[in-house]
Amino acid sequence: QQTVNGRSLGENIEGARVFNDDVILPREQPLLASGGLA
């Protein structure tokens, strides 16, 4: 998907990293497996 800087969303997040796994949880250890809203 296109964004305002002329690049795609995928290009814009390429190389991004997580520095604290307790704040941004790994997929296998979610706060809730699904159903954040219902």
PDB file of all heavy atoms in Angstrom:
ATOM      1  N   GLN A   1       0.823  -1.208   0.000  1.00  0.00           N
ATOM      2  CA  GLN A   1       0.000   0.000   0.000  1.00  0.00           C
ATOM      3  C   GLN A   1       0.858   1.260   0.000  1.00  0.00           C
ATOM      4  O   GLN A   1       1.852   1.363   0.715  1.00  0.00           O
ATOM      5  CB  GLN A   1      -0.955  -0.013   1.189  1.00  0.00           C
ATOM      6  CG  GLN A   1      -1.985  -1.124   1.132  1.00  0.00           C
ATOM      7  CD  GLN A   1      -2.799  -1.058  -0.145  1.00  0.00           C
ATOM      8  OE1 GLN A   1      -3.474  -0.076  -0.420  1.00  0.00           O
ATOM      9  NE2 GLN A   1      -2.727  -2.115  -0.947  1.00  0.00           N
ATOM     10  N   GLN A   2       0.437   2.241  -0.771  1.00  0.00           N
ATOM     11  CA  GLN A   2       1.166   3.493  -0.976  1.00  0.00           C
ATOM     12  C   GLN A   2       1.069   4.388   0.256  1.00  0.00           C
ATOM     13  O   GLN A   2       0.078   4.362   0.993  1.00  0.00           O
ATOM     14  CB  GLN A   2       0.563   4.216  -2.182  1.00  0.00           C
ATOM     15  CG  GLN A   2       1.130   5.580  -2.489  1.00  0.00           C
ATOM     16  CD  GLN A   2       2.400   5.492  -3.326  1.00  0.00           C
ATOM     17  OE1 GLN A   2       3.106   4.496  -3.275  1.00  0.00           O
ATOM     18  NE2 GLN A   2       2.672   6.506  -4.093  1.00  0.00           N
ATOM     19  N   THR A   3       2.091   5.211   0.500  1.00  0.00           N
ATOM     20  CA  THR A   3       2.091   6.166   1.609  1.00  0.00           C
ATOM     21  C   THR A   3       2.553   7.535   1.116  1.00  0.00           C
ATOM     22  O   THR A   3       3.012   7.683  -0.020  1.00  0.00           O
ATOM     23  CB  THR A   3       3.011   5.702   2.755  1.00  0.00           C
ATOM     24  OG1 THR A   3       4.380   5.890   2.381  1.00  0.00           O
ATOM     25  CG2 THR A   3       2.787   4.237   3.105  1.00  0.00           C
ATOM     26  N   VAL A   4       2.446   8.540   1.996  1.00  0.00           N
ATOM     27  CA  VAL A   4       2.720   9.919   1.589  1.00  0.00           C
ATOM     28  C   VAL A   4       4.172  10.171   1.178  1.00  0.00           C
ATOM     29  O   VAL A   4       4.453  11.139   0.464  1.00  0.00           O
ATOM     30  CB  VAL A   4       2.342  10.928   2.693  1.00  0.00           C
ATOM     31  CG1 VAL A   4       0.846  11.022   2.866  1.00  0.00           C
ATOM     32  CG2 VAL A   4       3.047  10.598   4.008  1.00  0.00           C
ATOM     33  N   ASN A   5       5.094   9.343   1.633  1.00  0.00           N
ATOM     34  CA  ASN A   5       6.486   9.603   1.235  1.00  0.00           C
ATOM     35  C   ASN A   5       6.843   8.975  -0.111  1.00  0.00           C
ATOM     36  O   ASN A   5       8.000   9.008  -0.533  1.00  0.00           O
ATOM     37  CB  ASN A   5       7.463   9.160   2.325  1.00  0.00           C
ATOM     38  CG  ASN A   5       7.566   7.655   2.469  1.00  0.00           C
ATOM     39  OD1 ASN A   5       6.768   6.909   1.913  1.00  0.00           O
ATOM     40  ND2 ASN A   5       8.548   7.201   3.241  1.00  0.00           N
ATOM     41  N   GLY A   6       5.832   8.417  -0.798  1.00  0.00           N
ATOM     42  CA  GLY A   6       6.060   7.842  -2.119  1.00  0.00           C
ATOM     43  C   GLY A   6       6.512   6.406  -2.092  1.00  0.00           C
ATOM     44  O   GLY A   6       6.653   5.776  -3.141  1.00  0.00           O
ATOM     45  N   ARG A   7       6.716   5.870  -0.890  1.00  0.00           N
ATOM     46  CA  ARG A   7       7.117   4.474  -0.756  1.00  0.00           C
ATOM     47  C   ARG A   7       5.951   3.660  -0.216  1.00  0.00           C
ATOM     48  O   ARG A   7       4.973   4.201   0.290  1.00  0.00           O
ATOM     49  CB  ARG A   7       8.332   4.354   0.175  1.00  0.00           C
ATOM     50  CG  ARG A   7       9.554   5.126  -0.298  1.00  0.00           C
ATOM     51  CD  ARG A   7      10.749   4.847   0.608  1.00  0.00           C
ATOM     52  NE  ARG A   7      11.921   5.621   0.193  1.00  0.00           N
ATOM     53  CZ  ARG A   7      12.258   6.801   0.680  1.00  0.00           C
ATOM     54  NH1 ARG A   7      11.497   7.369   1.611  1.00  0.00           N
ATOM     55  NH2 ARG A   7      13.338   7.432   0.252  1.00  0.00           N
ATOM     56  N   SER A   8       6.084   2.354  -0.284  1.00  0.00           N
ATOM     57  CA  SER A   8       5.035   1.479   0.218  1.00  0.00           C
ATOM     58  C   SER A   8       5.173   1.308   1.732  1.00  0.00           C
ATOM     59  O   SER A   8       6.230   1.582   2.322  1.00  0.00           O
ATOM     60  CB  SER A   8       5.114   0.108  -0.450  1.00  0.00           C
ATOM     61  OG  SER A   8       6.288  -0.581  -0.017  1.00  0.00           O
ATOM     62  N   LEU A   9       4.110   0.820   2.349  1.00  0.00           N
ATOM     63  CA  LEU A   9       4.160   0.533   3.784  1.00  0.00           C
ATOM     64  C   LEU A   9       5.260  -0.471   4.086  1.00  0.00           C
ATOM     65  O   LEU A   9       6.004  -0.322   5.064  1.00  0.00           O
ATOM     66  CB  LEU A   9       2.806  -0.006   4.248  1.00  0.00           C
ATOM     67  CG  LEU A   9       2.699  -0.392   5.723  1.00  0.00           C
ATOM     68  CD1 LEU A   9       2.810   0.838   6.614  1.00  0.00           C
ATOM     69  CD2 LEU A   9       1.389  -1.136   5.994  1.00  0.00           C
ATOM     70  N   GLY A  10       5.380  -1.491   3.258  1.00  0.00           N
ATOM     71  CA  GLY A  10       6.420  -2.490   3.470  1.00  0.00           C
ATOM     72  C   GLY A  10       7.824  -1.895   3.421  1.00  0.00           C
ATOM     73  O   GLY A  10       8.692  -2.243   4.231  1.00  0.00           O
ATOM     74  N   GLU A  11       8.053  -0.990   2.473  1.00  0.00           N
ATOM     75  CA  GLU A  11       9.363  -0.327   2.393  1.00  0.00           C
ATOM     76  C   GLU A  11       9.615   0.536   3.624  1.00  0.00           C
ATOM     77  O   GLU A  11      10.747   0.621   4.115  1.00  0.00           O
ATOM     78  CB  GLU A  11       9.435   0.524   1.124  1.00  0.00           C
ATOM     79  CG  GLU A  11       9.496  -0.291  -0.163  1.00  0.00           C
ATOM     80  CD  GLU A  11       9.370   0.579  -1.396  1.00  0.00           C
ATOM     81  OE1 GLU A  11       8.524   1.510  -1.401  1.00  0.00           O
ATOM     82  OE2 GLU A  11      10.106   0.321  -2.376  1.00  0.00           O
ATOM     83  N   ASN A  12       8.554   1.168   4.129  1.00  0.00           N
ATOM     84  CA  ASN A  12       8.727   2.066   5.272  1.00  0.00           C
ATOM     85  C   ASN A  12       9.033   1.346   6.579  1.00  0.00           C
ATOM     86  O   ASN A  12       9.613   1.939   7.494  1.00  0.00           O
ATOM     87  CB  ASN A  12       7.468   2.927   5.461  1.00  0.00           C
ATOM     88  CG  ASN A  12       7.365   4.022   4.416  1.00  0.00           C
ATOM     89  OD1 ASN A  12       8.336   4.382   3.775  1.00  0.00           O
ATOM     90  ND2 ASN A  12       6.166   4.543   4.242  1.00  0.00           N
ATOM     91  N   ILE A  13       8.631   0.086   6.712  1.00  0.00           N
ATOM     92  CA  ILE A  13       8.922  -0.628   7.965  1.00  0.00           C
ATOM     93  C   ILE A  13      10.115  -1.571   7.823  1.00  0.00           C
ATOM     94  O   ILE A  13      10.544  -2.187   8.804  1.00  0.00           O
ATOM     95  CB  ILE A  13       7.693  -1.422   8.456  1.00  0.00           C
ATOM     96  CG1 ILE A  13       7.315  -2.542   7.492  1.00  0.00           C
ATOM     97  CG2 ILE A  13       6.523  -0.477   8.699  1.00  0.00           C
ATOM     98  CD1 ILE A  13       6.183  -3.433   8.017  1.00  0.00           C
ATOM     99  N   GLU A  14      10.682  -1.642   6.627  1.00  0.00           N
ATOM    100  CA  GLU A  14      11.840  -2.514   6.419  1.00  0.00           C
ATOM    101  C   GLU A  14      12.997  -2.074   7.314  1.00  0.00           C
ATOM    102  O   GLU A  14      13.346  -0.896   7.378  1.00  0.00           O
ATOM    103  CB  GLU A  14      12.269  -2.470   4.956  1.00  0.00           C
ATOM    104  CG  GLU A  14      13.331  -3.486   4.590  1.00  0.00           C
ATOM    105  CD  GLU A  14      13.644  -3.492   3.099  1.00  0.00           C
ATOM    106  OE1 GLU A  14      12.914  -2.810   2.344  1.00  0.00           O
ATOM    107  OE2 GLU A  14      14.605  -4.170   2.720  1.00  0.00           O
ATOM    108  N   GLY A  15      13.562  -3.016   8.025  1.00  0.00           N
ATOM    109  CA  GLY A  15      14.690  -2.716   8.900  1.00  0.00           C
ATOM    110  C   GLY A  15      14.299  -2.255  10.291  1.00  0.00           C
ATOM    111  O   GLY A  15      15.171  -2.080  11.155  1.00  0.00           O
ATOM    112  N   ALA A  16      13.011  -2.061  10.547  1.00  0.00           N
ATOM    113  CA  ALA A  16      12.568  -1.663  11.885  1.00  0.00           C
ATOM    114  C   ALA A  16      12.816  -2.809  12.865  1.00  0.00           C
ATOM    115  O   ALA A  16      12.758  -3.986  12.503  1.00  0.00           O
ATOM    116  CB  ALA A  16      11.095  -1.274  11.876  1.00  0.00           C
ATOM    117  N   ARG A  17      13.090  -2.442  14.125  1.00  0.00           N
ATOM    118  CA  ARG A  17      13.409  -3.448  15.139  1.00  0.00           C
ATOM    119  C   ARG A  17      12.619  -3.193  16.411  1.00  0.00           C
ATOM    120  O   ARG A  17      12.161  -2.080  16.665  1.00  0.00           O
ATOM    121  CB  ARG A  17      14.906  -3.427  15.455  1.00  0.00           C
ATOM    122  CG  ARG A  17      15.808  -3.786  14.284  1.00  0.00           C
ATOM    123  CD  ARG A  17      17.254  -3.414  14.567  1.00  0.00           C
ATOM    124  NE  ARG A  17      17.753  -4.026  15.792  1.00  0.00           N
ATOM    125  CZ  ARG A  17      18.861  -3.621  16.438  1.00  0.00           C
ATOM    126  NH1 ARG A  17      19.560  -2.605  15.970  1.00  0.00           N
ATOM    127  NH2 ARG A  17      19.249  -4.220  17.538  1.00  0.00           N
ATOM    128  N   VAL A  18      12.495  -4.237  17.233  1.00  0.00           N
ATOM    129  CA  VAL A  18      11.903  -4.128  18.562  1.00  0.00           C
ATOM    130  C   VAL A  18      13.021  -4.241  19.586  1.00  0.00           C
ATOM    131  O   VAL A  18      13.836  -5.160  19.528  1.00  0.00           O
ATOM    132  CB  VAL A  18      10.846  -5.228  18.787  1.00  0.00           C
ATOM    133  CG1 VAL A  18      10.351  -5.209  20.231  1.00  0.00           C
ATOM    134  CG2 VAL A  18       9.688  -5.051  17.821  1.00  0.00           C
ATOM    135  N   PHE A  19      13.052  -3.302  20.533  1.00  0.00           N
ATOM    136  CA  PHE A  19      14.142  -3.245  21.510  1.00  0.00           C
ATOM    137  C   PHE A  19      13.714  -3.684  22.908  1.00  0.00           C
ATOM    138  O   PHE A  19      14.552  -3.777  23.805  1.00  0.00           O
ATOM    139  CB  PHE A  19      14.708  -1.824  21.571  1.00  0.00           C
ATOM    140  CG  PHE A  19      15.175  -1.326  20.230  1.00  0.00           C
ATOM    141  CD1 PHE A  19      14.433  -0.402  19.523  1.00  0.00           C
ATOM    142  CD2 PHE A  19      16.351  -1.811  19.660  1.00  0.00           C
ATOM    143  CE1 PHE A  19      14.853   0.052  18.285  1.00  0.00           C
ATOM    144  CE2 PHE A  19      16.777  -1.371  18.425  1.00  0.00           C
ATOM    145  CZ  PHE A  19      16.026  -0.430  17.729  1.00  0.00           C
ATOM    146  N   ASN A  20      12.418  -3.951  23.087  1.00  0.00           N
ATOM    147  CA  ASN A  20      11.949  -4.413  24.390  1.00  0.00           C
ATOM    148  C   ASN A  20      10.760  -5.345  24.161  1.00  0.00           C
ATOM    149  O   ASN A  20       9.658  -4.901  23.848  1.00  0.00           O
ATOM    150  CB  ASN A  20      11.543  -3.225  25.274  1.00  0.00           C
ATOM    151  CG  ASN A  20      11.210  -3.649  26.695  1.00  0.00           C
ATOM    152  OD1 ASN A  20      10.765  -4.766  26.946  1.00  0.00           O
ATOM    153  ND2 ASN A  20      11.423  -2.743  27.641  1.00  0.00           N
ATOM    154  N   ASP A  21      11.006  -6.643  24.343  1.00  0.00           N
ATOM    155  CA  ASP A  21       9.977  -7.647  24.069  1.00  0.00           C
ATOM    156  C   ASP A  21       8.865  -7.667  25.102  1.00  0.00           C
ATOM    157  O   ASP A  21       7.862  -8.372  24.910  1.00  0.00           O
ATOM    158  CB  ASP A  21      10.605  -9.046  23.997  1.00  0.00           C
ATOM    159  CG  ASP A  21      11.371  -9.274  22.711  1.00  0.00           C
ATOM    160  OD1 ASP A  21      11.089  -8.558  21.728  1.00  0.00           O
ATOM    161  OD2 ASP A  21      12.245 -10.161  22.686  1.00  0.00           O
ATOM    162  N   ASP A  22       9.027  -6.917  26.190  1.00  0.00           N
ATOM    163  CA  ASP A  22       7.951  -6.861  27.172  1.00  0.00           C
ATOM    164  C   ASP A  22       6.962  -5.738  26.851  1.00  0.00           C
ATOM    165  O   ASP A  22       5.851  -5.735  27.371  1.00  0.00           O
ATOM    166  CB  ASP A  22       8.517  -6.659  28.586  1.00  0.00           C
ATOM    167  CG  ASP A  22       7.506  -7.003  29.665  1.00  0.00           C
ATOM    168  OD1 ASP A  22       6.772  -7.999  29.487  1.00  0.00           O
ATOM    169  OD2 ASP A  22       7.432  -6.279  30.675  1.00  0.00           O
ATOM    170  N   VAL A  23       7.375  -4.810  26.013  1.00  0.00           N
ATOM    171  CA  VAL A  23       6.492  -3.712  25.601  1.00  0.00           C
ATOM    172  C   VAL A  23       5.784  -4.071  24.299  1.00  0.00           C
ATOM    173  O   VAL A  23       4.562  -3.937  24.176  1.00  0.00           O
ATOM    174  CB  VAL A  23       7.281  -2.400  25.439  1.00  0.00           C
ATOM    175  CG1 VAL A  23       6.360  -1.279  24.967  1.00  0.00           C
ATOM    176  CG2 VAL A  23       7.955  -2.009  26.741  1.00  0.00           C
ATOM    177  N   ILE A  24       6.558  -4.514  23.310  1.00  0.00           N
ATOM    178  CA  ILE A  24       5.995  -5.020  22.049  1.00  0.00           C
ATOM    179  C   ILE A  24       6.244  -6.523  22.056  1.00  0.00           C
ATOM    180  O   ILE A  24       7.373  -6.979  21.849  1.00  0.00           O
ATOM    181  CB  ILE A  24       6.639  -4.344  20.835  1.00  0.00           C
ATOM    182  CG1 ILE A  24       6.472  -2.823  20.919  1.00  0.00           C
ATOM    183  CG2 ILE A  24       6.027  -4.877  19.534  1.00  0.00           C
ATOM    184  CD1 ILE A  24       7.202  -2.058  19.833  1.00  0.00           C
ATOM    185  N   LEU A  25       5.211  -7.271  22.346  1.00  0.00           N
ATOM    186  CA  LEU A  25       5.361  -8.688  22.642  1.00  0.00           C
ATOM    187  C   LEU A  25       5.616  -9.514  21.384  1.00  0.00           C
ATOM    188  O   LEU A  25       5.125  -9.179  20.303  1.00  0.00           O
ATOM    189  CB  LEU A  25       4.098  -9.204  23.330  1.00  0.00           C
ATOM    190  CG  LEU A  25       3.743  -8.504  24.656  1.00  0.00           C
ATOM    191  CD1 LEU A  25       2.306  -8.826  25.043  1.00  0.00           C
ATOM    192  CD2 LEU A  25       4.697  -8.935  25.752  1.00  0.00           C
ATOM    193  N   PRO A  26       6.361 -10.604  21.514  1.00  0.00           N
ATOM    194  CA  PRO A  26       6.496 -11.540  20.387  1.00  0.00           C
ATOM    195  C   PRO A  26       5.127 -12.132  20.026  1.00  0.00           C
ATOM    196  O   PRO A  26       4.249 -12.262  20.879  1.00  0.00           O
ATOM    197  CB  PRO A  26       7.433 -12.620  20.936  1.00  0.00           C
ATOM    198  CG  PRO A  26       8.138 -11.979  22.095  1.00  0.00           C
ATOM    199  CD  PRO A  26       7.154 -11.017  22.681  1.00  0.00           C
ATOM    200  N   ARG A  27       4.962 -12.496  18.780  1.00  0.00           N
ATOM    201  CA  ARG A  27       3.683 -13.043  18.321  1.00  0.00           C
ATOM    202  C   ARG A  27       3.275 -14.298  19.111  1.00  0.00           C
ATOM    203  O   ARG A  27       2.080 -14.533  19.343  1.00  0.00           O
ATOM    204  CB  ARG A  27       3.755 -13.363  16.830  1.00  0.00           C
ATOM    205  CG  ARG A  27       3.740 -12.146  15.930  1.00  0.00           C
ATOM    206  CD  ARG A  27       2.328 -11.612  15.749  1.00  0.00           C
ATOM    207  NE  ARG A  27       1.501 -12.538  14.982  1.00  0.00           N
ATOM    208  CZ  ARG A  27       1.468 -12.590  13.653  1.00  0.00           C
ATOM    209  NH1 ARG A  27       2.203 -11.748  12.936  1.00  0.00           N
ATOM    210  NH2 ARG A  27       0.687 -13.444  13.027  1.00  0.00           N
ATOM    211  N   GLU A  28       4.268 -15.100  19.510  1.00  0.00           N
ATOM    212  CA  GLU A  28       3.945 -16.337  20.218  1.00  0.00           C
ATOM    213  C   GLU A  28       3.613 -16.098  21.693  1.00  0.00           C
ATOM    214  O   GLU A  28       3.209 -17.039  22.396  1.00  0.00           O
ATOM    215  CB  GLU A  28       5.092 -17.347  20.091  1.00  0.00           C
ATOM    216  CG  GLU A  28       6.414 -16.872  20.663  1.00  0.00           C
ATOM    217  CD  GLU A  28       7.270 -16.106  19.654  1.00  0.00           C
ATOM    218  OE1 GLU A  28       6.700 -15.681  18.619  1.00  0.00           O
ATOM    219  OE2 GLU A  28       8.471 -15.937  19.919  1.00  0.00           O
ATOM    220  N   GLN A  29       3.762 -14.863  22.174  1.00  0.00           N
ATOM    221  CA  GLN A  29       3.433 -14.540  23.568  1.00  0.00           C
ATOM    222  C   GLN A  29       2.547 -13.291  23.625  1.00  0.00           C
ATOM    223  O   GLN A  29       2.893 -12.295  24.261  1.00  0.00           O
ATOM    224  CB  GLN A  29       4.716 -14.313  24.381  1.00  0.00           C
ATOM    225  CG  GLN A  29       5.603 -15.540  24.480  1.00  0.00           C
ATOM    226  CD  GLN A  29       6.914 -15.229  25.184  1.00  0.00           C
ATOM    227  OE1 GLN A  29       7.417 -14.113  25.169  1.00  0.00           O
ATOM    228  NE2 GLN A  29       7.471 -16.241  25.828  1.00  0.00           N
ATOM    229  N   PRO A  30       1.394 -13.298  22.967  1.00  0.00           N
ATOM    230  CA  PRO A  30       0.579 -12.091  22.897  1.00  0.00           C
ATOM    231  C   PRO A  30      -0.125 -11.796  24.217  1.00  0.00           C
ATOM    232  O   PRO A  30      -0.289 -12.676  25.076  1.00  0.00           O
ATOM    233  CB  PRO A  30      -0.442 -12.432  21.807  1.00  0.00           C
ATOM    234  CG  PRO A  30      -0.615 -13.908  21.931  1.00  0.00           C
ATOM    235  CD  PRO A  30       0.766 -14.437  22.286  1.00  0.00           C
ATOM    236  N   LEU A  31      -0.537 -10.557  24.357  1.00  0.00           N
ATOM    237  CA  LEU A  31      -1.384 -10.188  25.491  1.00  0.00           C
ATOM    238  C   LEU A  31      -2.722 -10.899  25.378  1.00  0.00           C
ATOM    239  O   LEU A  31      -3.311 -11.333  26.370  1.00  0.00           O
ATOM    240  CB  LEU A  31      -1.579  -8.671  25.498  1.00  0.00           C
ATOM    241  CG  LEU A  31      -2.029  -7.996  26.782  1.00  0.00           C
ATOM    242  CD1 LEU A  31      -0.976  -8.137  27.874  1.00  0.00           C
ATOM    243  CD2 LEU A  31      -2.301  -6.505  26.527  1.00  0.00           C
ATOM    244  N   LEU A  32      -3.191 -11.023  24.143  1.00  0.00           N
ATOM    245  CA  LEU A  32      -4.435 -11.716  23.829  1.00  0.00           C
ATOM    246  C   LEU A  32      -4.258 -12.328  22.454  1.00  0.00           C
ATOM    247  O   LEU A  32      -3.817 -11.653  21.529  1.00  0.00           O
ATOM    248  CB  LEU A  32      -5.601 -10.730  23.839  1.00  0.00           C
ATOM    249  CG  LEU A  32      -7.019 -11.266  23.989  1.00  0.00           C
ATOM    250  CD1 LEU A  32      -7.225 -11.883  25.374  1.00  0.00           C
ATOM    251  CD2 LEU A  32      -8.030 -10.142  23.784  1.00  0.00           C
ATOM    252  N   ALA A  33      -4.572 -13.617  22.317  1.00  0.00           N
ATOM    253  CA  ALA A  33      -4.324 -14.304  21.049  1.00  0.00           C
ATOM    254  C   ALA A  33      -5.151 -13.721  19.906  1.00  0.00           C
ATOM    255  O   ALA A  33      -4.719 -13.718  18.755  1.00  0.00           O
ATOM    256  CB  ALA A  33      -4.618 -15.793  21.202  1.00  0.00           C
ATOM    257  N   SER A  34      -6.344 -13.216  20.228  1.00  0.00           N
ATOM    258  CA  SER A  34      -7.206 -12.582  19.230  1.00  0.00           C
ATOM    259  C   SER A  34      -8.329 -11.874  19.987  1.00  0.00           C
ATOM    260  O   SER A  34      -8.450 -12.004  21.206  1.00  0.00           O
ATOM    261  CB  SER A  34      -7.790 -13.606  18.244  1.00  0.00           C
ATOM    262  OG  SER A  34      -8.637 -14.515  18.921  1.00  0.00           O
ATOM    263  N   GLY A  35      -9.148 -11.123  19.261  1.00  0.00           N
ATOM    264  CA  GLY A  35     -10.321 -10.519  19.884  1.00  0.00           C
ATOM    265  C   GLY A  35     -10.048  -9.279  20.696  1.00  0.00           C
ATOM    266  O   GLY A  35     -10.672  -9.074  21.738  1.00  0.00           O
ATOM    267  N   GLY A  36      -9.133  -8.437  20.253  1.00  0.00           N
ATOM    268  CA  GLY A  36      -8.894  -7.179  20.945  1.00  0.00           C
ATOM    269  C   GLY A  36     -10.138  -6.317  21.006  1.00  0.00           C
ATOM    270  O   GLY A  36     -10.351  -5.567  21.960  1.00  0.00           O
ATOM    271  N   LEU A  37     -10.964  -6.398  19.987  1.00  0.00           N
ATOM    272  CA  LEU A  37     -12.294  -5.802  19.974  1.00  0.00           C
ATOM    273  C   LEU A  37     -13.265  -6.889  19.525  1.00  0.00           C
ATOM    274  O   LEU A  37     -12.887  -7.805  18.790  1.00  0.00           O
ATOM    275  CB  LEU A  37     -12.371  -4.625  19.001  1.00  0.00           C
ATOM    276  CG  LEU A  37     -11.481  -3.413  19.263  1.00  0.00           C
ATOM    277  CD1 LEU A  37     -11.586  -2.423  18.097  1.00  0.00           C
ATOM    278  CD2 LEU A  37     -11.854  -2.726  20.571  1.00  0.00           C
ATOM    279  N   ALA A  38     -14.503  -6.773  19.957  1.00  0.00           N
ATOM    280  CA  ALA A  38     -15.518  -7.722  19.516  1.00  0.00           C
ATOM    281  C   ALA A  38     -16.788  -6.969  19.173  1.00  0.00           C
ATOM    282  O   ALA A  38     -17.175  -6.031  19.873  1.00  0.00           O
ATOM    283  CB  ALA A  38     -15.796  -8.770  20.585  1.00  0.00           C
TER     284      ALA A  38
END
